[in-house]
C-alpha atoms as a PDB file:
ATOM      1  CA  UNK A   1     -17.977  26.817 -21.916  1.00  0.00           C
ATOM      2  CA  UNK A   2     -15.530  29.438 -23.208  1.00  0.00           C
ATOM      3  CA  UNK A   3     -11.970  28.632 -24.274  1.00  0.00           C
ATOM      4  CA  UNK A   4     -10.680  31.028 -21.589  1.00  0.00           C
ATOM      5  CA  UNK A   5     -12.539  29.106 -18.878  1.00  0.00           C
ATOM      6  CA  UNK A   6     -11.044  25.835 -20.114  1.00  0.00           C
ATOM      7  CA  UNK A   7      -7.552  27.340 -19.910  1.00  0.00           C
ATOM      8  CA  UNK A   8      -8.264  28.675 -16.426  1.00  0.00           C
ATOM      9  CA  UNK A   9      -9.448  25.254 -15.234  1.00  0.00           C
ATOM     10  CA  UNK A  10      -6.319  23.659 -16.686  1.00  0.00           C
ATOM     11  CA  UNK A  11      -4.119  26.187 -14.900  1.00  0.00           C
ATOM     12  CA  UNK A  12      -5.946  25.558 -11.632  1.00  0.00           C
ATOM     13  CA  UNK A  13      -5.516  21.812 -12.106  1.00  0.00           C
ATOM     14  CA  UNK A  14      -1.803  22.205 -12.645  1.00  0.00           C
ATOM     15  CA  UNK A  15      -1.561  24.502  -9.621  1.00  0.00           C
ATOM     16  CA  UNK A  16      -3.070  21.729  -7.491  1.00  0.00           C
ATOM     17  CA  UNK A  17       0.170  19.792  -7.893  1.00  0.00           C
ATOM     18  CA  UNK A  18       1.912  21.581  -5.040  1.00  0.00           C
ATOM     19  CA  UNK A  19       3.443  18.655  -3.173  1.00  0.00           C
ATOM     20  CA  UNK A  20       1.017  18.796  -0.257  1.00  0.00           C
ATOM     21  CA  UNK A  21       0.853  15.018   0.086  1.00  0.00           C
ATOM     22  CA  UNK A  22       2.713  12.249   1.925  1.00  0.00           C
ATOM     23  CA  UNK A  23       3.732   9.008   0.260  1.00  0.00           C
ATOM     24  CA  UNK A  24       4.719   5.495   1.272  1.00  0.00           C
ATOM     25  CA  UNK A  25       5.877   2.573  -0.852  1.00  0.00           C
ATOM     26  CA  UNK A  26       5.358  -1.185  -0.832  1.00  0.00           C
ATOM     27  CA  UNK A  27       7.986  -3.709  -1.933  1.00  0.00           C
ATOM     28  CA  UNK A  28       8.117  -7.503  -1.979  1.00  0.00           C
ATOM     29  CA  UNK A  29      10.992  -9.849  -1.064  1.00  0.00           C
ATOM     30  CA  UNK A  30      13.136 -10.759  -4.103  1.00  0.00           C
ATOM     31  CA  UNK A  31      13.468 -14.413  -5.072  1.00  0.00           C
ATOM     32  CA  UNK A  32      16.853 -14.280  -6.806  1.00  0.00           C
ATOM     33  CA  UNK A  33      19.960 -12.126  -7.089  1.00  0.00           C
ATOM     34  CA  UNK A  34      18.743 -10.202 -10.130  1.00  0.00           C
ATOM     35  CA  UNK A  35      15.467  -9.302  -8.419  1.00  0.00           C
ATOM     36  CA  UNK A  36      17.340  -8.281  -5.278  1.00  0.00           C
ATOM     37  CA  UNK A  37      19.483  -5.907  -7.333  1.00  0.00           C
ATOM     38  CA  UNK A  38      16.318  -4.392  -8.845  1.00  0.00           C
ATOM     39  CA  UNK A  39      14.783  -4.006  -5.382  1.00  0.00           C
ATOM     40  CA  UNK A  40      17.741  -2.103  -3.970  1.00  0.00           C
ATOM     41  CA  UNK A  41      17.942   0.105  -7.055  1.00  0.00           C
ATOM     42  CA  UNK A  42      14.288   0.982  -6.483  1.00  0.00           C
ATOM     43  CA  UNK A  43      14.777   1.674  -2.776  1.00  0.00           C
ATOM     44  CA  UNK A  44      17.776   3.911  -3.501  1.00  0.00           C
ATOM     45  CA  UNK A  45      15.792   5.775  -6.156  1.00  0.00           C
ATOM     46  CA  UNK A  46      12.690   6.321  -4.032  1.00  0.00           C
ATOM     47  CA  UNK A  47      14.224   6.941  -0.605  1.00  0.00           C
ATOM     48  CA  UNK A  48      15.112  10.533  -1.540  1.00  0.00           C
ATOM     49  CA  UNK A  49      11.379  11.313  -1.680  1.00  0.00           C
ATOM     50  CA  UNK A  50      11.309  10.881   2.111  1.00  0.00           C
ATOM     51  CA  UNK A  51       8.407   8.424   2.324  1.00  0.00           C
ATOM     52  CA  UNK A  52       6.622   8.229   5.665  1.00  0.00           C
ATOM     53  CA  UNK A  53       7.423   4.518   5.590  1.00  0.00           C
ATOM     54  CA  UNK A  54       8.111   1.637   3.242  1.00  0.00           C
ATOM     55  CA  UNK A  55       6.499  -1.775   3.679  1.00  0.00           C
ATOM     56  CA  UNK A  56       7.691  -5.231   2.696  1.00  0.00           C
ATOM     57  CA  UNK A  57       5.200  -8.004   1.988  1.00  0.00           C
ATOM     58  CA  UNK A  58       5.249 -11.358   3.718  1.00  0.00           C
ATOM     59  CA  UNK A  59       4.451 -14.873   2.558  1.00  0.00           C
ATOM     60  CA  UNK A  60       3.037 -17.782   4.509  1.00  0.00           C
ATOM     61  CA  UNK A  61       6.125 -19.937   4.127  1.00  0.00           C
ATOM     62  CA  UNK A  62       9.309 -19.862   6.154  1.00  0.00           C
ATOM     63  CA  UNK A  63      11.607 -18.965   3.255  1.00  0.00           C
ATOM     64  CA  UNK A  64       9.726 -15.834   2.305  1.00  0.00           C
ATOM     65  CA  UNK A  65       9.219 -14.864   5.942  1.00  0.00           C
ATOM     66  CA  UNK A  66      12.972 -14.931   6.455  1.00  0.00           C
ATOM     67  CA  UNK A  67      13.521 -12.801   3.355  1.00  0.00           C
ATOM     68  CA  UNK A  68      11.033 -10.247   4.672  1.00  0.00           C
ATOM     69  CA  UNK A  69      12.754 -10.129   8.076  1.00  0.00           C
ATOM     70  CA  UNK A  70      16.178  -9.700   6.463  1.00  0.00           C
ATOM     71  CA  UNK A  71      15.138  -7.010   3.986  1.00  0.00           C
ATOM     72  CA  UNK A  72      13.235  -4.938   6.534  1.00  0.00           C
ATOM     73  CA  UNK A  73      16.230  -4.893   8.857  1.00  0.00           C
ATOM     74  CA  UNK A  74      18.585  -4.033   5.973  1.00  0.00           C
ATOM     75  CA  UNK A  75      16.373  -1.160   4.833  1.00  0.00           C
ATOM     76  CA  UNK A  76      16.327   0.233   8.355  1.00  0.00           C
ATOM     77  CA  UNK A  77      20.082  -0.136   8.818  1.00  0.00           C
ATOM     78  CA  UNK A  78      21.201   0.989   5.358  1.00  0.00           C
ATOM     79  CA  UNK A  79      18.775   3.830   4.628  1.00  0.00           C
ATOM     80  CA  UNK A  80      17.273   4.933   7.948  1.00  0.00           C
ATOM     81  CA  UNK A  81      13.808   4.710   6.409  1.00  0.00           C
ATOM     82  CA  UNK A  82      10.881   3.702   8.593  1.00  0.00           C
ATOM     83  CA  UNK A  83      10.558   0.106   7.363  1.00  0.00           C
ATOM     84  CA  UNK A  84       7.335  -1.772   8.092  1.00  0.00           C
ATOM     85  CA  UNK A  85       7.212  -5.539   7.644  1.00  0.00           C
ATOM     86  CA  UNK A  86       3.971  -7.259   6.780  1.00  0.00           C
ATOM     87  CA  UNK A  87       3.176  -9.903   9.378  1.00  0.00           C
ATOM     88  CA  UNK A  88       0.459 -12.571   9.205  1.00  0.00           C
ATOM     89  CA  UNK A  89      -0.985 -15.027  11.668  1.00  0.00           C
ATOM     90  CA  UNK A  90      -0.875 -17.871   9.140  1.00  0.00           C
ATOM     91  CA  UNK A  91       1.598 -20.734   9.700  1.00  0.00           C
ATOM     92  CA  UNK A  92       3.027 -19.356  12.940  1.00  0.00           C
ATOM     93  CA  UNK A  93       1.997 -19.869  16.550  1.00  0.00           C
ATOM     94  CA  UNK A  94       1.243 -16.938  18.865  1.00  0.00           C
ATOM     95  CA  UNK A  95       4.524 -17.550  20.684  1.00  0.00           C
ATOM     96  CA  UNK A  96       6.426 -17.528  17.389  1.00  0.00           C
ATOM     97  CA  UNK A  97       4.693 -14.295  16.420  1.00  0.00           C
ATOM     98  CA  UNK A  98       5.638 -12.734  19.742  1.00  0.00           C
ATOM     99  CA  UNK A  99       9.255 -13.756  19.208  1.00  0.00           C
ATOM    100  CA  UNK A 100       9.241 -12.220  15.716  1.00  0.00           C
ATOM    101  CA  UNK A 101       7.715  -9.024  17.086  1.00  0.00           C
ATOM    102  CA  UNK A 102      10.256  -8.765  19.903  1.00  0.00           C
ATOM    103  CA  UNK A 103      13.077  -9.285  17.408  1.00  0.00           C
ATOM    104  CA  UNK A 104      11.721  -6.481  15.238  1.00  0.00           C
ATOM    105  CA  UNK A 105      11.431  -4.162  18.219  1.00  0.00           C
ATOM    106  CA  UNK A 106      14.977  -4.970  19.332  1.00  0.00           C
ATOM    107  CA  UNK A 107      16.178  -4.082  15.815  1.00  0.00           C
ATOM    108  CA  UNK A 108      14.508  -0.669  15.837  1.00  0.00           C
ATOM    109  CA  UNK A 109      11.429  -1.630  13.810  1.00  0.00           C
ATOM    110  CA  UNK A 110       8.491   0.294  15.228  1.00  0.00           C
ATOM    111  CA  UNK A 111       5.860  -0.067  12.493  1.00  0.00           C
ATOM    112  CA  UNK A 112       4.134  -3.294  11.382  1.00  0.00           C
ATOM    113  CA  UNK A 113       1.409  -4.056   8.833  1.00  0.00           C
ATOM    114  CA  UNK A 114      -0.741  -6.727  10.524  1.00  0.00           C
ATOM    115  CA  UNK A 115      -2.682  -9.116   8.281  1.00  0.00           C
ATOM    116  CA  UNK A 116      -4.550 -12.376   8.644  1.00  0.00           C
ATOM    117  CA  UNK A 117      -2.886 -13.816   5.535  1.00  0.00           C
ATOM    118  CA  UNK A 118      -4.268 -16.147   2.886  1.00  0.00           C
ATOM    119  CA  UNK A 119      -5.194 -19.545   4.263  1.00  0.00           C
ATOM    120  CA  UNK A 120      -3.731 -22.300   2.060  1.00  0.00           C
ATOM    121  CA  UNK A 121      -5.937 -25.191   0.839  1.00  0.00           C
ATOM    122  CA  UNK A 122      -6.588 -27.684   3.615  1.00  0.00           C
ATOM    123  CA  UNK A 123      -5.702 -25.221   6.364  1.00  0.00           C
ATOM    124  CA  UNK A 124      -6.987 -26.812   9.567  1.00  0.00           C
ATOM    125  CA  UNK A 125      -5.619 -24.612  12.338  1.00  0.00           C
ATOM    126  CA  UNK A 126      -7.817 -22.445  14.500  1.00  0.00           C
ATOM    127  CA  UNK A 127      -8.356 -19.110  12.712  1.00  0.00           C
ATOM    128  CA  UNK A 128      -6.073 -16.326  13.884  1.00  0.00           C
ATOM    129  CA  UNK A 129      -7.469 -13.094  12.537  1.00  0.00           C
ATOM    130  CA  UNK A 130      -5.820  -9.733  11.959  1.00  0.00           C
ATOM    131  CA  UNK A 131      -7.572  -8.308  15.041  1.00  0.00           C
ATOM    132  CA  UNK A 132      -5.992 -11.114  17.095  1.00  0.00           C
ATOM    133  CA  UNK A 133      -2.583 -10.256  15.642  1.00  0.00           C
ATOM    134  CA  UNK A 134      -3.024  -6.560  16.409  1.00  0.00           C
ATOM    135  CA  UNK A 135      -3.846  -7.395  20.027  1.00  0.00           C
ATOM    136  CA  UNK A 136      -0.842  -9.733  20.221  1.00  0.00           C
ATOM    137  CA  UNK A 137       1.500  -7.054  18.882  1.00  0.00           C
ATOM    138  CA  UNK A 138       0.107  -4.559  21.381  1.00  0.00           C
ATOM    139  CA  UNK A 139       0.938  -7.023  24.155  1.00  0.00           C
ATOM    140  CA  UNK A 140       4.587  -7.097  23.027  1.00  0.00           C
ATOM    141  CA  UNK A 141       5.398  -3.417  22.471  1.00  0.00           C
ATOM    142  CA  UNK A 142       3.968  -0.061  21.440  1.00  0.00           C
ATOM    143  CA  UNK A 143       4.099  -0.687  17.689  1.00  0.00           C
ATOM    144  CA  UNK A 144       2.579   1.677  15.140  1.00  0.00           C
ATOM    145  CA  UNK A 145       0.230  -0.841  13.506  1.00  0.00           C
ATOM    146  CA  UNK A 146      -1.433  -0.639  10.103  1.00  0.00           C
ATOM    147  CA  UNK A 147      -4.093  -3.035   8.840  1.00  0.00           C
ATOM    148  CA  UNK A 148      -5.692  -3.716   5.458  1.00  0.00           C
ATOM    149  CA  UNK A 149      -9.106  -2.765   4.113  1.00  0.00           C
ATOM    150  CA  UNK A 150     -11.063  -3.433   0.940  1.00  0.00           C
ATOM    151  CA  UNK A 151     -13.130  -0.484  -0.348  1.00  0.00           C
ATOM    152  CA  UNK A 152     -14.907  -2.931  -2.680  1.00  0.00           C
ATOM    153  CA  UNK A 153     -15.303  -5.613   0.043  1.00  0.00           C
ATOM    154  CA  UNK A 154     -12.945  -8.453   0.966  1.00  0.00           C
ATOM    155  CA  UNK A 155     -13.519 -11.444  -1.358  1.00  0.00           C
ATOM    156  CA  UNK A 156     -14.279 -13.732   1.625  1.00  0.00           C
ATOM    157  CA  UNK A 157     -16.584 -11.320   3.450  1.00  0.00           C
ATOM    158  CA  UNK A 158     -20.247 -12.293   3.858  1.00  0.00           C
ATOM    159  CA  UNK A 159     -21.315  -8.720   3.214  1.00  0.00           C
ATOM    160  CA  UNK A 160     -19.999  -5.171   3.045  1.00  0.00           C
ATOM    161  CA  UNK A 161     -21.346  -4.554   6.554  1.00  0.00           C
ATOM    162  CA  UNK A 162     -19.617  -7.602   8.062  1.00  0.00           C
ATOM    163  CA  UNK A 163     -16.396  -6.559   6.333  1.00  0.00           C
ATOM    164  CA  UNK A 164     -16.704  -3.110   7.903  1.00  0.00           C
ATOM    165  CA  UNK A 165     -17.384  -4.585  11.347  1.00  0.00           C
ATOM    166  CA  UNK A 166     -14.257  -6.714  11.001  1.00  0.00           C
ATOM    167  CA  UNK A 167     -12.209  -3.638  10.149  1.00  0.00           C
ATOM    168  CA  UNK A 168     -13.564  -1.893  13.236  1.00  0.00           C
ATOM    169  CA  UNK A 169     -12.436  -4.862  15.352  1.00  0.00           C
ATOM    170  CA  UNK A 170      -8.907  -4.414  14.022  1.00  0.00           C
ATOM    171  CA  UNK A 171      -8.899  -0.697  14.778  1.00  0.00           C
ATOM    172  CA  UNK A 172     -10.453  -1.227  18.222  1.00  0.00           C
ATOM    173  CA  UNK A 173      -7.710  -3.780  18.942  1.00  0.00           C
ATOM    174  CA  UNK A 174      -5.096  -1.072  18.479  1.00  0.00           C
ATOM    175  CA  UNK A 175      -4.432  -0.403  14.781  1.00  0.00           C
ATOM    176  CA  UNK A 176      -3.739   3.253  14.048  1.00  0.00           C
ATOM    177  CA  UNK A 177      -3.748   3.214  10.238  1.00  0.00           C
ATOM    178  CA  UNK A 178      -5.651   1.454   7.477  1.00  0.00           C
ATOM    179  CA  UNK A 179      -4.141   0.798   4.036  1.00  0.00           C
ATOM    180  CA  UNK A 180      -6.627  -0.059   1.319  1.00  0.00           C
ATOM    181  CA  UNK A 181      -6.378  -2.597  -1.440  1.00  0.00           C
ATOM    182  CA  UNK A 182      -5.774  -0.876  -4.781  1.00  0.00           C
ATOM    183  CA  UNK A 183      -8.867   0.412  -6.572  1.00  0.00           C
ATOM    184  CA  UNK A 184      -9.744   2.485  -9.631  1.00  0.00           C
ATOM    185  CA  UNK A 185     -13.235   3.715  -8.782  1.00  0.00           C
ATOM    186  CA  UNK A 186     -12.504   6.782  -6.667  1.00  0.00           C
ATOM    187  CA  UNK A 187     -16.132   6.962  -5.565  1.00  0.00           C
ATOM    188  CA  UNK A 188     -15.826   3.494  -4.023  1.00  0.00           C
ATOM    189  CA  UNK A 189     -13.016   4.754  -1.780  1.00  0.00           C
ATOM    190  CA  UNK A 190     -14.892   7.909  -0.793  1.00  0.00           C
ATOM    191  CA  UNK A 191     -18.081   5.968   0.022  1.00  0.00           C
ATOM    192  CA  UNK A 192     -16.023   3.483   2.016  1.00  0.00           C
ATOM    193  CA  UNK A 193     -14.338   6.279   3.957  1.00  0.00           C
ATOM    194  CA  UNK A 194     -17.745   7.755   4.803  1.00  0.00           C
ATOM    195  CA  UNK A 195     -19.029   4.376   5.995  1.00  0.00           C
ATOM    196  CA  UNK A 196     -15.953   3.988   8.207  1.00  0.00           C
ATOM    197  CA  UNK A 197     -16.751   7.292   9.887  1.00  0.00           C
ATOM    198  CA  UNK A 198     -20.373   6.261  10.377  1.00  0.00           C
ATOM    199  CA  UNK A 199     -19.430   3.116  12.341  1.00  0.00           C
ATOM    200  CA  UNK A 200     -16.856   4.932  14.475  1.00  0.00           C
ATOM    201  CA  UNK A 201     -13.616   3.970  12.743  1.00  0.00           C
ATOM    202  CA  UNK A 202     -11.386   6.956  13.418  1.00  0.00           C
ATOM    203  CA  UNK A 203      -8.141   5.584  11.967  1.00  0.00           C
ATOM    204  CA  UNK A 204      -6.553   7.125   8.905  1.00  0.00           C
ATOM    205  CA  UNK A 205      -7.739   5.384   5.697  1.00  0.00           C
ATOM    206  CA  UNK A 206      -4.735   5.444   3.340  1.00  0.00           C
ATOM    207  CA  UNK A 207      -5.618   4.705  -0.296  1.00  0.00           C
ATOM    208  CA  UNK A 208      -3.471   2.117  -2.062  1.00  0.00           C
ATOM    209  CA  UNK A 209      -2.438   3.272  -5.542  1.00  0.00           C
ATOM    210  CA  UNK A 210      -1.341   0.762  -8.197  1.00  0.00           C
ATOM    211  CA  UNK A 211       0.114   2.203 -11.419  1.00  0.00           C
ATOM    212  CA  UNK A 212      -0.912  -0.394 -14.010  1.00  0.00           C
ATOM    213  CA  UNK A 213       1.778  -1.284 -16.529  1.00  0.00           C
ATOM    214  CA  UNK A 214       0.452  -4.761 -17.379  1.00  0.00           C
ATOM    215  CA  UNK A 215      -3.309  -4.848 -17.925  1.00  0.00           C
ATOM    216  CA  UNK A 216      -3.499  -8.629 -18.394  1.00  0.00           C
ATOM    217  CA  UNK A 217      -1.724  -9.150 -15.087  1.00  0.00           C
ATOM    218  CA  UNK A 218      -4.137  -6.682 -13.489  1.00  0.00           C
ATOM    219  CA  UNK A 219      -7.050  -8.858 -14.598  1.00  0.00           C
ATOM    220  CA  UNK A 220      -5.610 -11.839 -12.744  1.00  0.00           C
ATOM    221  CA  UNK A 221      -4.908  -9.761  -9.638  1.00  0.00           C
ATOM    222  CA  UNK A 222      -8.390  -8.238  -9.675  1.00  0.00           C
ATOM    223  CA  UNK A 223     -10.060 -11.645  -9.708  1.00  0.00           C
ATOM    224  CA  UNK A 224      -8.217 -12.639  -6.535  1.00  0.00           C
ATOM    225  CA  UNK A 225      -8.733  -9.344  -4.717  1.00  0.00           C
ATOM    226  CA  UNK A 226     -12.327  -8.563  -5.776  1.00  0.00           C
ATOM    227  CA  UNK A 227     -11.249  -5.263  -7.350  1.00  0.00           C
ATOM    228  CA  UNK A 228     -13.592  -3.948 -10.027  1.00  0.00           C
ATOM    229  CA  UNK A 229     -11.997  -2.914 -13.324  1.00  0.00           C
ATOM    230  CA  UNK A 230     -14.081  -0.083 -14.834  1.00  0.00           C
ATOM    231  CA  UNK A 231     -14.878  -0.178 -18.549  1.00  0.00           C
ATOM    232  CA  UNK A 232     -13.070   3.113 -19.057  1.00  0.00           C
ATOM    233  CA  UNK A 233      -9.871   1.566 -17.672  1.00  0.00           C
ATOM    234  CA  UNK A 234     -10.048  -1.356 -20.107  1.00  0.00           C
ATOM    235  CA  UNK A 235     -10.536   1.082 -22.990  1.00  0.00           C
ATOM    236  CA  UNK A 236      -7.462   3.051 -21.915  1.00  0.00           C
ATOM    237  CA  UNK A 237      -5.253  -0.023 -22.346  1.00  0.00           C
ATOM    238  CA  UNK A 238      -6.949  -1.383 -25.448  1.00  0.00           C
ATOM    239  CA  UNK A 239      -4.405  -2.065 -28.192  1.00  0.00           C
ATOM    240  CA  UNK A 240      -1.353  -1.455 -25.993  1.00  0.00           C
ATOM    241  CA  UNK A 241      -0.269  -5.054 -25.368  1.00  0.00           C
ATOM    242  CA  UNK A 242       2.949  -4.503 -27.335  1.00  0.00           C
ATOM    243  CA  UNK A 243       3.465  -0.841 -26.425  1.00  0.00           C
ATOM    244  CA  UNK A 244       5.033  -0.611 -22.943  1.00  0.00           C
ATOM    245  CA  UNK A 245       6.021   3.045 -23.332  1.00  0.00           C
ATOM    246  CA  UNK A 246       2.422   4.152 -23.910  1.00  0.00           C
ATOM    247  CA  UNK A 247       1.186   1.851 -21.151  1.00  0.00           C
ATOM    248  CA  UNK A 248       3.518   3.642 -18.744  1.00  0.00           C
ATOM    249  CA  UNK A 249       2.160   7.028 -19.814  1.00  0.00           C
ATOM    250  CA  UNK A 250      -1.409   5.821 -19.342  1.00  0.00           C
ATOM    251  CA  UNK A 251      -0.570   4.322 -15.943  1.00  0.00           C
ATOM    252  CA  UNK A 252       1.032   7.542 -14.752  1.00  0.00           C
ATOM    253  CA  UNK A 253      -1.837   9.682 -16.014  1.00  0.00           C
ATOM    254  CA  UNK A 254      -4.479   7.573 -14.242  1.00  0.00           C
ATOM    255  CA  UNK A 255      -2.562   7.452 -10.954  1.00  0.00           C
ATOM    256  CA  UNK A 256      -1.917  11.206 -11.011  1.00  0.00           C
ATOM    257  CA  UNK A 257      -5.585  11.972 -11.675  1.00  0.00           C
ATOM    258  CA  UNK A 258      -6.682   9.668  -8.841  1.00  0.00           C
ATOM    259  CA  UNK A 259      -4.311  11.292  -6.361  1.00  0.00           C
ATOM    260  CA  UNK A 260      -5.374  14.794  -7.433  1.00  0.00           C
ATOM    261  CA  UNK A 261      -9.073  13.997  -6.985  1.00  0.00           C
ATOM    262  CA  UNK A 262      -8.540  12.306  -3.631  1.00  0.00           C
ATOM    263  CA  UNK A 263      -6.308  15.142  -2.467  1.00  0.00           C
ATOM    264  CA  UNK A 264      -9.108  17.614  -3.177  1.00  0.00           C
ATOM    265  CA  UNK A 265     -11.315  15.382  -0.998  1.00  0.00           C
ATOM    266  CA  UNK A 266      -8.938  15.856   1.936  1.00  0.00           C
ATOM    267  CA  UNK A 267      -6.700  12.786   1.507  1.00  0.00           C
ATOM    268  CA  UNK A 268      -3.062  13.581   2.206  1.00  0.00           C
ATOM    269  CA  UNK A 269      -1.382  10.157   2.508  1.00  0.00           C
ATOM    270  CA  UNK A 270      -0.999   7.697  -0.366  1.00  0.00           C
ATOM    271  CA  UNK A 271       0.511   4.202  -0.443  1.00  0.00           C
ATOM    272  CA  UNK A 272       2.044   3.151  -3.772  1.00  0.00           C
ATOM    273  CA  UNK A 273       2.307  -0.491  -4.793  1.00  0.00           C
ATOM    274  CA  UNK A 274       5.639  -0.321  -6.632  1.00  0.00           C
ATOM    275  CA  UNK A 275       6.047  -3.983  -7.667  1.00  0.00           C
ATOM    276  CA  UNK A 276       9.727  -3.314  -6.872  1.00  0.00           C
ATOM    277  CA  UNK A 277      10.089  -0.858  -9.763  1.00  0.00           C
ATOM    278  CA  UNK A 278      10.938   2.769  -9.134  1.00  0.00           C
ATOM    279  CA  UNK A 279      10.795   4.662 -12.437  1.00  0.00           C
ATOM    280  CA  UNK A 280       7.046   5.037 -12.783  1.00  0.00           C
ATOM    281  CA  UNK A 281       6.372   5.663  -9.087  1.00  0.00           C
ATOM    282  CA  UNK A 282       9.143   8.262  -8.959  1.00  0.00           C
ATOM    283  CA  UNK A 283       7.781  10.044 -12.050  1.00  0.00           C
ATOM    284  CA  UNK A 284       4.249  10.092 -10.606  1.00  0.00           C
ATOM    285  CA  UNK A 285       5.420  11.452  -7.259  1.00  0.00           C
ATOM    286  CA  UNK A 286       7.598  14.077  -8.973  1.00  0.00           C
ATOM    287  CA  UNK A 287       4.659  15.246 -11.085  1.00  0.00           C
ATOM    288  CA  UNK A 288       2.540  15.485  -7.949  1.00  0.00           C
ATOM    289  CA  UNK A 289       5.113  17.795  -6.388  1.00  0.00           C
ATOM    290  CA  UNK A 290       6.876  15.315  -4.087  1.00  0.00           C
ATOM    291  CA  UNK A 291      10.491  16.452  -4.253  1.00  0.00           C
ATOM    292  CA  UNK A 292      13.792  14.889  -3.136  1.00  0.00           C
ATOM    293  CA  UNK A 293      15.259  16.050   0.126  1.00  0.00           C
ATOM    294  CA  UNK A 294      17.727  18.917  -0.190  1.00  0.00           C
ATOM    295  CA  UNK A 295      19.578  17.621   2.863  1.00  0.00           C
ATOM    296  CA  UNK A 296      21.782  14.608   2.054  1.00  0.00           C
ATOM    297  CA  UNK A 297      21.586  13.536   5.706  1.00  0.00           C
ATOM    298  CA  UNK A 298      17.859  12.884   5.197  1.00  0.00           C
ATOM    299  CA  UNK A 299      18.659  10.311   2.509  1.00  0.00           C
ATOM    300  CA  UNK A 300      21.210   8.148   4.269  1.00  0.00           C
END
């Protein structure tokens, strides 16, 4: 291949970064005052990018549930962003879930991420699945409901096909969007998207993007979530344990390449797992052409 062709391909690649994508961000409830300060700094930094929504994760204990409720309402009131709480069926009765949903609706929250939740050891209650929660939410109000999916198969699923059937149940129950677990094998997402179409799942399949700044931590997360770590990814982080600056550059480069490839495959919406940090996510979005609003009123 000629040098001129290489330059032309590089120019075309750079031209692809034209901002033709939509983004959303995930946060988690802070556990102390310092973490809360970091969270709000991140929200203030990222809100100018006009995300379609921001989500806040939810734990299966009352303390974390209350933090989620409080933060979601504060985000809505203080920024005007479309804030979507995670909600699980674990450790709450259907009536309690209905009360939580009504409270959200009364506070202007119109979007919810509906999940089964992780069953703790010794959990003896009757299973209450995500599809059940979606149906319950639909019975309360006309929420815009998102559910989760695993391109590389849920760790508790009997098979890839049964996992897909379960996802279809959630969509048939009334979910309008699907957010995937993070992944690094782009082909796994594309194959999963094709399989969703084949079984009649017509909801939007939003890829979850995790910029990796701590490779050792990723290994622990991947074991729990059944995410495959490609050999090439391990090589990229080899020798960088004590080099956070280079790790950030590698993380940004990988995330940008993934979004570019998926965008060329017709994907326009991307969900970023921020881990409550804004700098890297903001830099990635900026490089991809996502620009701050020019109207201050859009960034309350």
